[in-house]
């Protein structure tokens, strides 16, 4: 997969987190892994940030102690992603098992697919991974027009 840098216009609100300010985006970023680094350009300032993409929100956590406006203040800027998009891909073992069982991964919405792939990626052994593949596949309905 070729990775190329991206620049994304973003807006948000400044909020206080337990360990300092958080820049909460007004729209969740799709296709961006969590915990990656980027740089937020706001006016003349370049703020290094960690990207935290959760189920329904993306938060940027500054990695330095830049000067920020008052809490609750809206802002707009450009998020620079040196790593570009990292789309989710379904691993071959999951896809093959789904096909063998006449199941379609297309029935999963974006959040469900993200959850399933994260669940699978956190497997600690081959046996656990296989059990998780089977659990994911068995939770999907059979493919239309096919019998099990």
C-alpha atoms as a PDB file:
ATOM      1  CA  UNK A   1       0.000   0.000   0.000  1.00  0.00           C
ATOM      2  CA  UNK A   2       1.369   3.388  -0.975  1.00  0.00           C
ATOM      3  CA  UNK A   3       1.179   5.973   1.758  1.00  0.00           C
ATOM      4  CA  UNK A   4       1.223   9.662   0.899  1.00  0.00           C
ATOM      5  CA  UNK A   5       0.920  12.660   3.165  1.00  0.00           C
ATOM      6  CA  UNK A   6      -2.454  14.365   3.448  1.00  0.00           C
ATOM      7  CA  UNK A   7      -3.669  17.762   4.578  1.00  0.00           C
ATOM      8  CA  UNK A   8      -7.239  17.920   5.881  1.00  0.00           C
ATOM      9  CA  UNK A   9      -9.157  21.095   6.794  1.00  0.00           C
ATOM     10  CA  UNK A  10     -10.624  20.636  10.279  1.00  0.00           C
ATOM     11  CA  UNK A  11     -12.683  22.599  12.780  1.00  0.00           C
ATOM     12  CA  UNK A  12     -13.409  21.937  16.402  1.00  0.00           C
ATOM     13  CA  UNK A  13     -13.736  23.078  19.980  1.00  0.00           C
ATOM     14  CA  UNK A  14     -11.089  23.359  22.685  1.00  0.00           C
ATOM     15  CA  UNK A  15     -11.864  21.156  25.684  1.00  0.00           C
ATOM     16  CA  UNK A  16     -10.006  20.264  28.870  1.00  0.00           C
ATOM     17  CA  UNK A  17      -8.899  16.655  29.278  1.00  0.00           C
ATOM     18  CA  UNK A  18      -7.437  15.002  32.376  1.00  0.00           C
ATOM     19  CA  UNK A  19      -3.883  15.604  31.106  1.00  0.00           C
ATOM     20  CA  UNK A  20      -4.264  18.928  29.349  1.00  0.00           C
ATOM     21  CA  UNK A  21      -6.142  20.524  26.462  1.00  0.00           C
ATOM     22  CA  UNK A  22      -7.936  18.455  23.837  1.00  0.00           C
ATOM     23  CA  UNK A  23      -8.907  19.671  20.409  1.00  0.00           C
ATOM     24  CA  UNK A  24     -12.239  17.955  19.694  1.00  0.00           C
ATOM     25  CA  UNK A  25     -13.027  17.859  15.987  1.00  0.00           C
ATOM     26  CA  UNK A  26     -16.519  18.848  14.893  1.00  0.00           C
ATOM     27  CA  UNK A  27     -16.567  15.842  12.536  1.00  0.00           C
ATOM     28  CA  UNK A  28     -15.067  12.400  13.138  1.00  0.00           C
ATOM     29  CA  UNK A  29     -12.264  11.513  10.742  1.00  0.00           C
ATOM     30  CA  UNK A  30     -12.896   8.260   8.900  1.00  0.00           C
ATOM     31  CA  UNK A  31     -10.063   6.121   7.579  1.00  0.00           C
ATOM     32  CA  UNK A  32      -7.499   7.372  10.078  1.00  0.00           C
ATOM     33  CA  UNK A  33      -6.048   5.085  12.702  1.00  0.00           C
ATOM     34  CA  UNK A  34      -6.061   6.215  16.274  1.00  0.00           C
ATOM     35  CA  UNK A  35      -2.932   7.121  18.241  1.00  0.00           C
ATOM     36  CA  UNK A  36      -1.035   8.319  15.182  1.00  0.00           C
ATOM     37  CA  UNK A  37       0.922  11.537  15.104  1.00  0.00           C
ATOM     38  CA  UNK A  38       0.197  14.547  12.985  1.00  0.00           C
ATOM     39  CA  UNK A  39       0.597  18.280  13.004  1.00  0.00           C
ATOM     40  CA  UNK A  40      -2.190  20.819  13.355  1.00  0.00           C
ATOM     41  CA  UNK A  41      -1.701  24.183  11.712  1.00  0.00           C
ATOM     42  CA  UNK A  42      -3.842  26.899  13.296  1.00  0.00           C
ATOM     43  CA  UNK A  43      -3.008  30.346  11.980  1.00  0.00           C
ATOM     44  CA  UNK A  44       0.765  30.655  12.212  1.00  0.00           C
ATOM     45  CA  UNK A  45       1.114  27.938  14.854  1.00  0.00           C
ATOM     46  CA  UNK A  46       2.207  24.350  14.110  1.00  0.00           C
ATOM     47  CA  UNK A  47       1.019  22.084  16.942  1.00  0.00           C
ATOM     48  CA  UNK A  48       2.233  18.461  17.062  1.00  0.00           C
ATOM     49  CA  UNK A  49      -0.719  16.223  17.979  1.00  0.00           C
ATOM     50  CA  UNK A  50      -1.695  12.617  18.635  1.00  0.00           C
ATOM     51  CA  UNK A  51      -4.835  11.578  16.731  1.00  0.00           C
ATOM     52  CA  UNK A  52      -7.376   9.737  18.856  1.00  0.00           C
ATOM     53  CA  UNK A  53     -10.230   8.454  16.693  1.00  0.00           C
ATOM     54  CA  UNK A  54     -12.939   6.811  18.765  1.00  0.00           C
ATOM     55  CA  UNK A  55     -16.319   5.367  17.770  1.00  0.00           C
ATOM     56  CA  UNK A  56     -18.022   8.714  17.276  1.00  0.00           C
ATOM     57  CA  UNK A  57     -15.415  11.448  17.688  1.00  0.00           C
ATOM     58  CA  UNK A  58     -11.864  12.373  16.754  1.00  0.00           C
ATOM     59  CA  UNK A  59      -9.763  14.207  19.328  1.00  0.00           C
ATOM     60  CA  UNK A  60      -6.351  15.769  18.803  1.00  0.00           C
ATOM     61  CA  UNK A  61      -4.117  15.758  21.875  1.00  0.00           C
ATOM     62  CA  UNK A  62      -1.287  18.298  21.642  1.00  0.00           C
ATOM     63  CA  UNK A  63       2.095  16.785  22.470  1.00  0.00           C
ATOM     64  CA  UNK A  64       3.556  20.075  23.640  1.00  0.00           C
ATOM     65  CA  UNK A  65       2.305  22.912  25.807  1.00  0.00           C
ATOM     66  CA  UNK A  66       1.334  25.416  23.131  1.00  0.00           C
ATOM     67  CA  UNK A  67      -0.690  28.471  24.088  1.00  0.00           C
ATOM     68  CA  UNK A  68      -4.372  27.836  23.540  1.00  0.00           C
ATOM     69  CA  UNK A  69      -7.407  30.097  23.688  1.00  0.00           C
ATOM     70  CA  UNK A  70     -10.031  29.737  26.416  1.00  0.00           C
ATOM     71  CA  UNK A  71     -11.866  26.445  26.863  1.00  0.00           C
ATOM     72  CA  UNK A  72     -14.950  26.141  24.697  1.00  0.00           C
ATOM     73  CA  UNK A  73     -13.388  28.284  21.984  1.00  0.00           C
ATOM     74  CA  UNK A  74     -13.978  27.196  18.397  1.00  0.00           C
ATOM     75  CA  UNK A  75     -10.991  26.899  16.076  1.00  0.00           C
ATOM     76  CA  UNK A  76     -10.192  25.910  12.518  1.00  0.00           C
ATOM     77  CA  UNK A  77      -7.020  24.736  10.903  1.00  0.00           C
ATOM     78  CA  UNK A  78      -5.316  22.131   8.759  1.00  0.00           C
ATOM     79  CA  UNK A  79      -4.374  18.691  10.022  1.00  0.00           C
ATOM     80  CA  UNK A  80      -1.209  17.427   8.346  1.00  0.00           C
ATOM     81  CA  UNK A  81      -0.985  13.624   8.241  1.00  0.00           C
ATOM     82  CA  UNK A  82       2.482  12.447   7.196  1.00  0.00           C
ATOM     83  CA  UNK A  83       1.224   8.844   7.094  1.00  0.00           C
ATOM     84  CA  UNK A  84      -1.821   9.561   4.916  1.00  0.00           C
ATOM     85  CA  UNK A  85      -4.896   7.365   4.937  1.00  0.00           C
ATOM     86  CA  UNK A  86      -4.644   3.882   6.331  1.00  0.00           C
ATOM     87  CA  UNK A  87      -7.771   2.142   5.116  1.00  0.00           C
ATOM     88  CA  UNK A  88      -8.995  -0.934   6.908  1.00  0.00           C
ATOM     89  CA  UNK A  89      -8.480  -4.140   5.011  1.00  0.00           C
ATOM     90  CA  UNK A  90     -10.135  -7.429   5.794  1.00  0.00           C
ATOM     91  CA  UNK A  91      -7.484 -10.096   6.426  1.00  0.00           C
ATOM     92  CA  UNK A  92      -7.544 -13.153   4.160  1.00  0.00           C
ATOM     93  CA  UNK A  93      -8.418 -15.626   6.948  1.00  0.00           C
ATOM     94  CA  UNK A  94     -11.547 -13.659   7.862  1.00  0.00           C
ATOM     95  CA  UNK A  95     -12.613 -13.154   4.248  1.00  0.00           C
ATOM     96  CA  UNK A  96     -12.040 -16.827   3.333  1.00  0.00           C
ATOM     97  CA  UNK A  97     -13.930 -18.098   6.371  1.00  0.00           C
ATOM     98  CA  UNK A  98     -16.850 -15.780   5.606  1.00  0.00           C
ATOM     99  CA  UNK A  99     -16.968 -16.961   1.994  1.00  0.00           C
ATOM    100  CA  UNK A 100     -16.744 -20.628   3.026  1.00  0.00           C
ATOM    101  CA  UNK A 101     -19.660 -20.128   5.445  1.00  0.00           C
ATOM    102  CA  UNK A 102     -21.741 -18.196   2.865  1.00  0.00           C
ATOM    103  CA  UNK A 103     -21.522 -14.990   4.883  1.00  0.00           C
ATOM    104  CA  UNK A 104     -20.844 -11.502   3.608  1.00  0.00           C
ATOM    105  CA  UNK A 105     -18.725  -8.914   5.378  1.00  0.00           C
ATOM    106  CA  UNK A 106     -20.669  -6.280   3.429  1.00  0.00           C
ATOM    107  CA  UNK A 107     -23.475  -6.485   6.014  1.00  0.00           C
ATOM    108  CA  UNK A 108     -21.202  -4.826   8.596  1.00  0.00           C
ATOM    109  CA  UNK A 109     -21.415  -1.056   8.802  1.00  0.00           C
ATOM    110  CA  UNK A 110     -18.219   0.971   9.286  1.00  0.00           C
ATOM    111  CA  UNK A 111     -18.327   0.890  13.094  1.00  0.00           C
ATOM    112  CA  UNK A 112     -19.045  -2.856  13.187  1.00  0.00           C
ATOM    113  CA  UNK A 113     -16.217  -3.607  10.754  1.00  0.00           C
ATOM    114  CA  UNK A 114     -13.824  -1.418  12.748  1.00  0.00           C
ATOM    115  CA  UNK A 115     -14.819  -3.238  15.937  1.00  0.00           C
ATOM    116  CA  UNK A 116     -14.489  -6.689  14.337  1.00  0.00           C
ATOM    117  CA  UNK A 117     -11.069  -5.934  12.842  1.00  0.00           C
ATOM    118  CA  UNK A 118      -9.807  -4.466  16.112  1.00  0.00           C
ATOM    119  CA  UNK A 119     -11.137  -7.490  18.029  1.00  0.00           C
ATOM    120  CA  UNK A 120      -9.356  -9.779  15.578  1.00  0.00           C
ATOM    121  CA  UNK A 121      -6.089  -7.796  15.553  1.00  0.00           C
ATOM    122  CA  UNK A 122      -5.789  -8.060  19.342  1.00  0.00           C
ATOM    123  CA  UNK A 123      -5.633 -11.873  19.245  1.00  0.00           C
ATOM    124  CA  UNK A 124      -2.670 -13.147  21.238  1.00  0.00           C
ATOM    125  CA  UNK A 125      -2.355 -16.650  19.765  1.00  0.00           C
ATOM    126  CA  UNK A 126      -3.322 -18.467  16.575  1.00  0.00           C
ATOM    127  CA  UNK A 127      -6.007 -20.384  18.492  1.00  0.00           C
ATOM    128  CA  UNK A 128      -7.523 -17.181  19.858  1.00  0.00           C
ATOM    129  CA  UNK A 129      -7.428 -15.604  16.396  1.00  0.00           C
ATOM    130  CA  UNK A 130      -9.197 -18.606  14.841  1.00  0.00           C
ATOM    131  CA  UNK A 131     -11.869 -18.531  17.559  1.00  0.00           C
ATOM    132  CA  UNK A 132     -12.385 -14.828  16.948  1.00  0.00           C
ATOM    133  CA  UNK A 133     -12.638 -15.304  13.179  1.00  0.00           C
ATOM    134  CA  UNK A 134     -15.311 -17.933  13.792  1.00  0.00           C
ATOM    135  CA  UNK A 135     -17.169 -15.687  16.263  1.00  0.00           C
ATOM    136  CA  UNK A 136     -17.192 -12.756  13.828  1.00  0.00           C
ATOM    137  CA  UNK A 137     -18.343 -14.894  10.901  1.00  0.00           C
ATOM    138  CA  UNK A 138     -21.024 -16.718  12.877  1.00  0.00           C
ATOM    139  CA  UNK A 139     -22.532 -13.386  13.937  1.00  0.00           C
ATOM    140  CA  UNK A 140     -23.198 -12.375  10.315  1.00  0.00           C
ATOM    141  CA  UNK A 141     -26.326 -13.429   8.417  1.00  0.00           C
ATOM    142  CA  UNK A 142     -25.973 -15.856   5.510  1.00  0.00           C
ATOM    143  CA  UNK A 143     -25.501 -14.381   2.067  1.00  0.00           C
ATOM    144  CA  UNK A 144     -28.806 -13.704   0.295  1.00  0.00           C
ATOM    145  CA  UNK A 145     -29.873 -16.490  -2.031  1.00  0.00           C
ATOM    146  CA  UNK A 146     -27.491 -19.055  -0.542  1.00  0.00           C
ATOM    147  CA  UNK A 147     -28.166 -21.719   1.979  1.00  0.00           C
ATOM    148  CA  UNK A 148     -25.868 -22.721   4.752  1.00  0.00           C
END
